[in-house]
N, C-alpha and C. Protein backbone atom coordinates (compact mmCIF):
# COMPACT_ATOMS: atom_id res chain seq x y z
N MET A 1 31.43 63.57 33.95
CA MET A 1 31.78 63.71 32.55
C MET A 1 33.27 63.91 32.37
N ASP A 2 33.89 64.69 33.25
CA ASP A 2 35.32 64.92 33.14
C ASP A 2 36.12 63.64 33.28
N TRP A 3 35.65 62.73 34.18
CA TRP A 3 36.37 61.49 34.38
C TRP A 3 36.43 60.68 33.09
N LYS A 4 35.32 60.61 32.36
CA LYS A 4 35.28 59.84 31.12
C LYS A 4 36.24 60.43 30.10
N VAL A 5 36.30 61.74 29.98
CA VAL A 5 37.24 62.38 29.05
C VAL A 5 38.67 62.06 29.46
N GLU A 6 38.95 62.16 30.77
CA GLU A 6 40.29 61.87 31.26
C GLU A 6 40.65 60.41 31.02
N ARG A 7 39.70 59.49 31.24
CA ARG A 7 39.94 58.07 31.02
C ARG A 7 40.28 57.81 29.55
N ILE A 8 39.54 58.40 28.64
CA ILE A 8 39.80 58.20 27.22
C ILE A 8 41.17 58.76 26.85
N ASP A 9 41.53 59.92 27.37
CA ASP A 9 42.83 60.50 27.07
C ASP A 9 43.96 59.62 27.56
N LEU A 10 43.85 59.07 28.78
CA LEU A 10 44.89 58.19 29.30
C LEU A 10 44.97 56.90 28.50
N MET A 11 43.82 56.36 28.12
CA MET A 11 43.82 55.15 27.32
C MET A 11 44.44 55.42 25.96
N ALA A 12 44.18 56.56 25.41
CA ALA A 12 44.76 56.91 24.12
C ALA A 12 46.28 56.97 24.21
N LEU A 13 46.77 57.42 25.35
CA LEU A 13 48.22 57.50 25.53
C LEU A 13 48.90 56.16 25.33
N TYR A 14 48.36 55.09 25.91
CA TYR A 14 49.03 53.81 25.73
C TYR A 14 48.44 52.99 24.58
N PHE A 15 47.26 53.33 24.09
CA PHE A 15 46.74 52.58 22.95
C PHE A 15 47.40 52.99 21.64
N TYR A 16 47.90 54.18 21.50
CA TYR A 16 48.61 54.54 20.28
C TYR A 16 49.88 53.72 20.12
N PRO A 17 50.76 53.67 21.13
CA PRO A 17 51.92 52.78 20.97
C PRO A 17 51.51 51.31 20.89
N PHE A 18 50.42 50.94 21.56
CA PHE A 18 49.93 49.57 21.52
C PHE A 18 49.51 49.21 20.09
N ILE A 19 48.83 50.11 19.42
CA ILE A 19 48.41 49.87 18.03
C ILE A 19 49.63 49.76 17.12
N ILE A 20 50.60 50.62 17.30
CA ILE A 20 51.83 50.55 16.51
C ILE A 20 52.54 49.21 16.75
N PHE A 21 52.58 48.80 18.02
CA PHE A 21 53.17 47.51 18.38
C PHE A 21 52.46 46.37 17.65
N LEU A 22 51.13 46.35 17.69
CA LEU A 22 50.37 45.27 17.04
C LEU A 22 50.55 45.27 15.53
N LEU A 23 50.56 46.45 14.92
CA LEU A 23 50.74 46.52 13.47
C LEU A 23 52.15 46.08 13.05
N THR A 24 53.13 46.40 13.88
CA THR A 24 54.50 45.94 13.60
C THR A 24 54.57 44.42 13.71
N ALA A 25 53.94 43.86 14.73
CA ALA A 25 53.89 42.40 14.87
C ALA A 25 53.17 41.76 13.69
N LEU A 26 52.10 42.39 13.22
CA LEU A 26 51.37 41.89 12.05
C LEU A 26 52.28 41.88 10.83
N PHE A 27 53.04 42.94 10.64
CA PHE A 27 53.96 43.00 9.50
C PHE A 27 54.97 41.85 9.56
N PHE A 28 55.62 41.67 10.69
CA PHE A 28 56.64 40.63 10.79
C PHE A 28 56.05 39.23 10.69
N ASP A 29 54.92 38.99 11.32
CA ASP A 29 54.31 37.66 11.26
C ASP A 29 53.79 37.36 9.86
N GLY A 30 53.18 38.34 9.23
CA GLY A 30 52.67 38.14 7.87
C GLY A 30 53.76 38.00 6.83
N ARG A 31 54.82 38.78 6.99
CA ARG A 31 55.89 38.80 5.98
C ARG A 31 56.92 37.70 6.19
N PHE A 32 57.33 37.47 7.46
CA PHE A 32 58.42 36.55 7.74
C PHE A 32 57.99 35.31 8.51
N GLY A 33 56.74 35.27 8.96
CA GLY A 33 56.25 34.10 9.67
C GLY A 33 56.76 33.99 11.10
N ARG A 34 57.24 35.08 11.64
CA ARG A 34 57.71 35.08 13.03
C ARG A 34 57.62 36.49 13.59
N ILE A 35 57.54 36.55 14.91
CA ILE A 35 57.51 37.84 15.61
C ILE A 35 58.83 37.95 16.37
N PRO A 36 59.65 38.93 16.05
CA PRO A 36 60.99 38.99 16.65
C PRO A 36 60.96 39.28 18.15
N ASN A 37 61.95 38.72 18.83
CA ASN A 37 62.06 38.90 20.29
C ASN A 37 62.22 40.37 20.66
N TRP A 38 62.98 41.12 19.86
CA TRP A 38 63.20 42.52 20.21
C TRP A 38 61.87 43.28 20.25
N LEU A 39 60.93 42.87 19.42
CA LEU A 39 59.63 43.54 19.39
C LEU A 39 58.80 43.18 20.63
N THR A 40 58.73 41.90 20.94
CA THR A 40 57.91 41.49 22.09
C THR A 40 58.51 41.99 23.40
N VAL A 41 59.82 41.92 23.53
CA VAL A 41 60.46 42.39 24.76
C VAL A 41 60.30 43.90 24.91
N SER A 42 60.53 44.63 23.83
CA SER A 42 60.37 46.09 23.92
C SER A 42 58.92 46.47 24.16
N GLY A 43 57.97 45.72 23.61
CA GLY A 43 56.55 45.98 23.87
C GLY A 43 56.21 45.75 25.34
N ALA A 44 56.73 44.67 25.91
CA ALA A 44 56.46 44.39 27.32
C ALA A 44 57.09 45.45 28.21
N VAL A 45 58.31 45.84 27.91
CA VAL A 45 58.99 46.86 28.71
C VAL A 45 58.26 48.19 28.60
N LEU A 46 57.84 48.56 27.40
CA LEU A 46 57.11 49.81 27.21
C LEU A 46 55.79 49.80 27.99
N GLY A 47 55.07 48.68 27.94
CA GLY A 47 53.83 48.57 28.69
C GLY A 47 54.06 48.67 30.19
N LEU A 48 55.08 47.99 30.68
CA LEU A 48 55.41 48.07 32.11
C LEU A 48 55.79 49.49 32.50
N LEU A 49 56.66 50.12 31.72
CA LEU A 49 57.11 51.48 32.04
C LEU A 49 55.95 52.47 32.03
N PHE A 50 55.10 52.36 31.05
CA PHE A 50 53.97 53.28 30.96
C PHE A 50 53.12 53.23 32.23
N HIS A 51 52.80 52.01 32.65
CA HIS A 51 51.92 51.88 33.81
C HIS A 51 52.62 52.25 35.12
N VAL A 52 53.92 52.00 35.20
CA VAL A 52 54.67 52.41 36.40
C VAL A 52 54.70 53.94 36.48
N VAL A 53 54.99 54.60 35.37
CA VAL A 53 55.05 56.06 35.37
C VAL A 53 53.67 56.65 35.66
N LEU A 54 52.64 56.06 35.11
CA LEU A 54 51.30 56.59 35.27
C LEU A 54 50.72 56.33 36.67
N ASN A 55 50.94 55.12 37.21
CA ASN A 55 50.27 54.74 38.46
C ASN A 55 51.19 54.15 39.52
N GLY A 56 52.47 54.23 39.34
CA GLY A 56 53.40 53.75 40.36
C GLY A 56 53.31 52.25 40.58
N ILE A 57 53.34 51.84 41.83
CA ILE A 57 53.33 50.41 42.17
C ILE A 57 52.04 49.73 41.73
N ASN A 58 50.91 50.45 41.82
CA ASN A 58 49.65 49.87 41.34
C ASN A 58 49.69 49.62 39.83
N GLY A 59 50.31 50.52 39.10
CA GLY A 59 50.48 50.34 37.66
C GLY A 59 51.38 49.16 37.35
N LEU A 60 52.44 49.00 38.14
CA LEU A 60 53.34 47.87 37.96
C LEU A 60 52.61 46.56 38.19
N ILE A 61 51.83 46.50 39.26
CA ILE A 61 51.07 45.28 39.56
C ILE A 61 50.08 44.98 38.44
N PHE A 62 49.35 46.01 38.00
CA PHE A 62 48.40 45.87 36.89
C PHE A 62 49.08 45.29 35.66
N SER A 63 50.23 45.83 35.33
CA SER A 63 50.96 45.43 34.13
C SER A 63 51.57 44.03 34.26
N VAL A 64 52.15 43.73 35.40
CA VAL A 64 52.78 42.41 35.61
C VAL A 64 51.73 41.30 35.61
N ILE A 65 50.59 41.55 36.24
CA ILE A 65 49.53 40.53 36.24
C ILE A 65 49.03 40.30 34.82
N GLY A 66 48.86 41.36 34.04
CA GLY A 66 48.44 41.20 32.64
C GLY A 66 49.48 40.45 31.84
N LEU A 67 50.75 40.78 32.03
CA LEU A 67 51.84 40.10 31.33
C LEU A 67 51.84 38.62 31.66
N ALA A 68 51.74 38.29 32.94
CA ALA A 68 51.76 36.88 33.37
C ALA A 68 50.56 36.11 32.82
N ALA A 69 49.39 36.72 32.85
CA ALA A 69 48.18 36.05 32.37
C ALA A 69 48.28 35.75 30.87
N GLY A 70 48.68 36.75 30.09
CA GLY A 70 48.82 36.54 28.65
C GLY A 70 49.87 35.50 28.33
N PHE A 71 51.00 35.57 29.00
CA PHE A 71 52.10 34.65 28.74
C PHE A 71 51.72 33.21 29.11
N VAL A 72 51.19 33.03 30.31
CA VAL A 72 50.90 31.67 30.80
C VAL A 72 49.79 31.00 29.98
N LEU A 73 48.71 31.72 29.69
CA LEU A 73 47.63 31.11 28.91
C LEU A 73 48.08 30.74 27.50
N MET A 74 48.86 31.60 26.89
CA MET A 74 49.32 31.28 25.55
C MET A 74 50.41 30.20 25.56
N LEU A 75 51.15 30.11 26.65
CA LEU A 75 52.14 29.04 26.79
C LEU A 75 51.46 27.68 26.77
N ILE A 76 50.28 27.60 27.36
CA ILE A 76 49.52 26.35 27.32
C ILE A 76 49.18 25.99 25.88
N LEU A 77 48.72 26.97 25.10
CA LEU A 77 48.43 26.70 23.68
C LEU A 77 49.68 26.32 22.91
N TYR A 78 50.80 26.95 23.26
CA TYR A 78 52.08 26.61 22.62
C TYR A 78 52.48 25.17 22.92
N LEU A 79 52.28 24.73 24.15
CA LEU A 79 52.63 23.35 24.52
C LEU A 79 51.81 22.33 23.75
N PHE A 80 50.61 22.72 23.33
CA PHE A 80 49.78 21.85 22.50
C PHE A 80 50.04 22.08 21.00
N LYS A 81 51.06 22.87 20.70
CA LYS A 81 51.48 23.17 19.33
C LYS A 81 50.39 23.88 18.52
N ALA A 82 49.55 24.66 19.20
CA ALA A 82 48.49 25.40 18.52
C ALA A 82 49.00 26.74 18.00
N ILE A 83 50.03 27.29 18.64
CA ILE A 83 50.60 28.58 18.24
C ILE A 83 52.11 28.51 18.35
N GLY A 84 52.78 29.55 17.85
CA GLY A 84 54.23 29.63 17.93
C GLY A 84 54.70 30.36 19.19
N ALA A 85 55.98 30.27 19.45
CA ALA A 85 56.56 30.89 20.64
C ALA A 85 56.45 32.42 20.58
N GLY A 86 56.53 33.00 19.40
CA GLY A 86 56.39 34.44 19.27
C GLY A 86 55.03 34.93 19.72
N ASP A 87 54.00 34.12 19.48
CA ASP A 87 52.65 34.48 19.91
C ASP A 87 52.52 34.47 21.43
N VAL A 88 53.25 33.57 22.08
CA VAL A 88 53.25 33.52 23.55
C VAL A 88 53.82 34.82 24.10
N LYS A 89 54.98 35.21 23.57
CA LYS A 89 55.63 36.45 24.03
C LYS A 89 54.81 37.67 23.63
N LEU A 90 54.16 37.61 22.49
CA LEU A 90 53.31 38.71 22.05
C LEU A 90 52.20 38.98 23.06
N PHE A 91 51.54 37.92 23.52
CA PHE A 91 50.45 38.12 24.47
C PHE A 91 50.94 38.50 25.85
N GLY A 92 52.18 38.16 26.17
CA GLY A 92 52.78 38.69 27.38
C GLY A 92 52.91 40.20 27.28
N ALA A 93 53.38 40.67 26.13
CA ALA A 93 53.51 42.11 25.91
C ALA A 93 52.14 42.79 25.86
N ILE A 94 51.17 42.14 25.24
CA ILE A 94 49.82 42.69 25.21
C ILE A 94 49.29 42.86 26.64
N GLY A 95 49.55 41.86 27.48
CA GLY A 95 49.13 41.94 28.87
C GLY A 95 49.82 43.07 29.62
N ALA A 96 51.11 43.30 29.33
CA ALA A 96 51.83 44.40 29.97
C ALA A 96 51.23 45.74 29.57
N PHE A 97 50.80 45.86 28.33
CA PHE A 97 50.18 47.09 27.86
C PHE A 97 48.79 47.29 28.45
N SER A 98 47.98 46.22 28.45
CA SER A 98 46.55 46.41 28.64
C SER A 98 45.95 45.76 29.87
N GLY A 99 46.69 44.99 30.64
CA GLY A 99 46.16 44.39 31.85
C GLY A 99 45.46 43.08 31.59
N ILE A 100 45.02 42.46 32.67
CA ILE A 100 44.49 41.09 32.59
C ILE A 100 43.14 41.01 31.87
N GLU A 101 42.21 41.91 32.16
CA GLU A 101 40.88 41.79 31.57
C GLU A 101 40.94 41.90 30.04
N PHE A 102 41.59 42.93 29.55
CA PHE A 102 41.70 43.12 28.11
C PHE A 102 42.42 41.94 27.47
N THR A 103 43.46 41.46 28.12
CA THR A 103 44.26 40.36 27.58
C THR A 103 43.44 39.07 27.50
N LEU A 104 42.70 38.76 28.55
CA LEU A 104 41.90 37.53 28.53
C LEU A 104 40.82 37.57 27.45
N TYR A 105 40.15 38.71 27.35
CA TYR A 105 39.17 38.85 26.27
C TYR A 105 39.86 38.80 24.90
N GLY A 106 41.02 39.42 24.80
CA GLY A 106 41.76 39.40 23.55
C GLY A 106 42.15 38.00 23.12
N ILE A 107 42.58 37.19 24.08
CA ILE A 107 42.91 35.80 23.77
C ILE A 107 41.67 35.06 23.29
N MET A 108 40.57 35.23 24.01
CA MET A 108 39.33 34.54 23.64
C MET A 108 38.88 34.91 22.22
N TYR A 109 38.82 36.20 21.95
CA TYR A 109 38.38 36.62 20.62
C TYR A 109 39.38 36.22 19.53
N SER A 110 40.66 36.27 19.82
CA SER A 110 41.67 35.87 18.83
C SER A 110 41.55 34.39 18.49
N VAL A 111 41.31 33.56 19.49
CA VAL A 111 41.15 32.12 19.25
C VAL A 111 39.88 31.87 18.43
N ILE A 112 38.81 32.59 18.74
CA ILE A 112 37.58 32.44 17.95
C ILE A 112 37.83 32.83 16.49
N TYR A 113 38.49 33.97 16.28
CA TYR A 113 38.79 34.39 14.90
C TYR A 113 39.73 33.40 14.22
N ALA A 114 40.69 32.84 14.94
CA ALA A 114 41.60 31.86 14.35
C ALA A 114 40.82 30.63 13.88
N GLY A 115 39.85 30.19 14.68
CA GLY A 115 39.02 29.06 14.27
C GLY A 115 38.22 29.37 13.02
N LEU A 116 37.67 30.57 12.97
CA LEU A 116 36.89 30.97 11.79
C LEU A 116 37.78 31.08 10.55
N ILE A 117 38.96 31.66 10.71
CA ILE A 117 39.89 31.78 9.59
C ILE A 117 40.31 30.39 9.11
N GLY A 118 40.61 29.50 10.05
CA GLY A 118 40.99 28.14 9.69
C GLY A 118 39.87 27.43 8.93
N LEU A 119 38.65 27.60 9.38
CA LEU A 119 37.50 26.99 8.70
C LEU A 119 37.34 27.54 7.29
N VAL A 120 37.45 28.84 7.14
CA VAL A 120 37.35 29.46 5.81
C VAL A 120 38.47 28.94 4.90
N LEU A 121 39.68 28.85 5.42
CA LEU A 121 40.80 28.34 4.61
C LEU A 121 40.57 26.89 4.18
N LEU A 122 40.05 26.09 5.09
CA LEU A 122 39.75 24.70 4.73
C LEU A 122 38.72 24.63 3.60
N ILE A 123 37.68 25.44 3.73
CA ILE A 123 36.63 25.42 2.72
C ILE A 123 37.16 25.95 1.39
N LEU A 124 37.94 27.03 1.43
CA LEU A 124 38.48 27.60 0.20
C LEU A 124 39.47 26.65 -0.49
N ARG A 125 40.18 25.88 0.30
CA ARG A 125 41.14 24.93 -0.28
C ARG A 125 40.45 23.68 -0.78
N ARG A 126 39.18 23.58 -0.53
CA ARG A 126 38.36 22.46 -0.99
C ARG A 126 38.79 21.10 -0.43
N ASP A 127 39.51 21.11 0.67
CA ASP A 127 39.87 19.83 1.26
C ASP A 127 39.28 19.65 2.65
N PHE A 128 38.26 20.44 2.95
CA PHE A 128 37.61 20.37 4.26
C PHE A 128 37.06 18.97 4.52
N PHE A 129 36.28 18.45 3.59
CA PHE A 129 35.65 17.15 3.80
C PHE A 129 36.69 16.03 3.80
N ARG A 130 37.73 16.14 2.98
CA ARG A 130 38.79 15.14 2.96
C ARG A 130 39.50 15.13 4.31
N ARG A 131 39.78 16.31 4.86
CA ARG A 131 40.46 16.39 6.16
C ARG A 131 39.56 15.87 7.28
N MET A 132 38.29 16.22 7.26
CA MET A 132 37.38 15.74 8.29
C MET A 132 37.22 14.22 8.21
N LEU A 133 37.16 13.69 6.99
CA LEU A 133 37.09 12.25 6.81
C LEU A 133 38.38 11.59 7.32
N GLY A 134 39.51 12.23 7.07
CA GLY A 134 40.79 11.72 7.57
C GLY A 134 40.84 11.70 9.08
N VAL A 135 40.30 12.72 9.73
CA VAL A 135 40.24 12.75 11.20
C VAL A 135 39.36 11.61 11.70
N PHE A 136 38.22 11.41 11.05
CA PHE A 136 37.31 10.33 11.44
C PHE A 136 37.99 8.97 11.32
N TYR A 137 38.69 8.72 10.20
CA TYR A 137 39.40 7.45 10.01
C TYR A 137 40.52 7.27 11.02
N LYS A 138 41.21 8.35 11.36
CA LYS A 138 42.29 8.25 12.36
C LYS A 138 41.72 7.91 13.73
N ILE A 139 40.57 8.45 14.06
CA ILE A 139 39.93 8.12 15.34
C ILE A 139 39.58 6.63 15.37
N LEU A 140 39.02 6.12 14.26
CA LEU A 140 38.70 4.69 14.19
C LEU A 140 39.96 3.85 14.28
N GLU A 141 41.01 4.29 13.59
CA GLU A 141 42.28 3.56 13.62
C GLU A 141 42.88 3.56 15.02
N LEU A 142 42.77 4.67 15.72
CA LEU A 142 43.29 4.76 17.08
C LEU A 142 42.54 3.82 18.02
N LYS A 143 41.23 3.72 17.82
CA LYS A 143 40.42 2.85 18.68
C LYS A 143 40.80 1.38 18.50
N SER A 144 41.13 0.99 17.28
CA SER A 144 41.40 -0.42 17.00
C SER A 144 42.89 -0.78 17.05
N SER A 145 43.77 0.19 17.10
CA SER A 145 45.20 -0.08 17.03
C SER A 145 45.78 -0.32 18.43
N SER A 146 46.73 -1.23 18.47
CA SER A 146 47.44 -1.47 19.74
C SER A 146 48.66 -0.57 19.86
N THR A 147 49.11 -0.01 18.75
CA THR A 147 50.29 0.88 18.75
C THR A 147 49.83 2.30 18.45
N LYS A 148 49.20 2.93 19.40
CA LYS A 148 48.63 4.27 19.22
C LYS A 148 49.69 5.32 18.93
N GLU A 149 50.88 5.16 19.50
CA GLU A 149 51.95 6.13 19.29
C GLU A 149 52.36 6.20 17.82
N GLU A 150 52.43 5.04 17.15
CA GLU A 150 52.81 5.02 15.74
C GLU A 150 51.75 5.71 14.88
N VAL A 151 50.50 5.48 15.19
CA VAL A 151 49.40 6.11 14.45
C VAL A 151 49.48 7.62 14.61
N LEU A 152 49.68 8.08 15.84
CA LEU A 152 49.75 9.52 16.09
C LEU A 152 50.97 10.14 15.43
N GLU A 153 52.11 9.48 15.46
CA GLU A 153 53.31 10.01 14.82
C GLU A 153 53.11 10.13 13.31
N GLU A 154 52.49 9.13 12.70
CA GLU A 154 52.22 9.18 11.27
C GLU A 154 51.28 10.34 10.94
N TYR A 155 50.26 10.56 11.78
CA TYR A 155 49.30 11.63 11.56
C TYR A 155 49.96 13.00 11.70
N LYS A 156 50.91 13.13 12.63
CA LYS A 156 51.59 14.40 12.84
C LYS A 156 52.45 14.80 11.65
N LYS A 157 52.88 13.83 10.85
CA LYS A 157 53.74 14.12 9.70
C LYS A 157 52.96 14.71 8.53
N LYS A 158 51.64 14.59 8.57
CA LYS A 158 50.81 15.15 7.49
C LYS A 158 50.94 16.66 7.43
N GLU A 159 50.65 17.21 6.29
CA GLU A 159 50.72 18.66 6.09
C GLU A 159 49.71 19.37 6.98
N ALA A 160 50.19 20.32 7.74
CA ALA A 160 49.30 21.09 8.63
C ALA A 160 48.83 22.35 7.91
N LEU A 161 47.63 22.75 8.23
CA LEU A 161 47.09 23.99 7.70
C LEU A 161 47.44 25.10 8.68
N THR A 162 48.30 26.02 8.26
CA THR A 162 48.73 27.09 9.16
C THR A 162 48.55 28.44 8.49
N PHE A 163 48.49 29.47 9.32
CA PHE A 163 48.47 30.85 8.87
C PHE A 163 49.00 31.69 10.01
N PRO A 164 49.49 32.90 9.71
CA PRO A 164 49.99 33.76 10.79
C PRO A 164 48.87 34.08 11.79
N PHE A 165 49.13 33.80 13.06
CA PHE A 165 48.13 34.01 14.10
C PHE A 165 47.75 35.48 14.22
N MET A 166 48.64 36.38 13.81
CA MET A 166 48.33 37.81 13.86
C MET A 166 47.11 38.15 13.01
N TYR A 167 46.81 37.33 12.01
CA TYR A 167 45.61 37.56 11.20
C TYR A 167 44.35 37.41 12.06
N ALA A 168 44.44 36.66 13.14
CA ALA A 168 43.32 36.51 14.07
C ALA A 168 43.45 37.47 15.25
N VAL A 169 44.68 37.83 15.61
CA VAL A 169 44.91 38.70 16.76
C VAL A 169 44.36 40.10 16.50
N ILE A 170 44.60 40.64 15.32
CA ILE A 170 44.15 42.01 15.02
C ILE A 170 42.63 42.14 15.15
N PRO A 171 41.83 41.30 14.48
CA PRO A 171 40.38 41.43 14.70
C PRO A 171 39.98 41.09 16.14
N GLY A 172 40.74 40.20 16.80
CA GLY A 172 40.47 39.89 18.20
C GLY A 172 40.67 41.10 19.10
N MET A 173 41.72 41.86 18.83
CA MET A 173 42.00 43.06 19.62
C MET A 173 40.97 44.16 19.34
N ILE A 174 40.56 44.28 18.09
CA ILE A 174 39.54 45.27 17.73
C ILE A 174 38.22 44.93 18.42
N THR A 175 37.84 43.67 18.39
CA THR A 175 36.61 43.24 19.05
C THR A 175 36.70 43.47 20.55
N THR A 176 37.84 43.15 21.14
CA THR A 176 38.03 43.36 22.57
C THR A 176 37.93 44.84 22.91
N TYR A 177 38.56 45.67 22.12
CA TYR A 177 38.49 47.11 22.36
C TYR A 177 37.04 47.58 22.31
N TYR A 178 36.31 47.09 21.33
CA TYR A 178 34.91 47.49 21.18
C TYR A 178 34.07 47.08 22.38
N TYR A 179 34.23 45.85 22.84
CA TYR A 179 33.37 45.33 23.93
C TYR A 179 33.88 45.69 25.33
N VAL A 180 35.18 45.82 25.52
CA VAL A 180 35.71 46.06 26.85
C VAL A 180 35.90 47.55 27.12
N ILE A 181 36.40 48.28 26.18
CA ILE A 181 36.76 49.68 26.40
C ILE A 181 35.62 50.64 26.08
N LEU A 182 34.98 50.45 24.93
CA LEU A 182 33.92 51.39 24.54
C LEU A 182 32.61 51.15 25.24
C-alpha cells in the first residue's frame, strides 16, 4: 500500500508542471495558432531534469527515450503535413516528461480525437458530403490522368480544414492518464 501512495506522490510531482505545460501550450495554440519554441524546449528540459534528479541515469534514459519517441513519431506526421512543427516539438517535450509508454498512448488518443474533431467540424460546416464527393472525383481524375502531379498540386491549393491540434491533445492526454496511470 505504501508503494502506491509513494508512486502517486512522485507522479503528482511531475504531473503538476506537466499539466501547466499542456495548458500553456493550449493557450498559445488556440490563441495564436502556434506553440512557441521557448515553451517546448523548456518543457523538454524540465522533464529531463526532473527525471535525472529523481532517478539519475535511469531517469535520463527514461526521459530521453520518451523524448525521442514523441519527436520521431510526430515528425513523420509533420512530413505528411498532418500537423505543425510546434506539435512535433510538443510531443518531444511530452515524452521527456512522461516517458515512452505514456507518450505513445497520448499520440494514439490525440490522433483519434483529432479525427473525431475534424469529422464534427466537417458535419457542422455542412460541407462534409461536398468534400467527400470532391475526394471521390479527384481519385477518379487521378486514375484517368496522365499528369498526376498537376492534379495533386491543384488539389493541394484547395482550402484545408484545420484546427489547433491542442484541442485533440488535451483530451488525448486525459484519456491516456485515465487508462495508463489510474
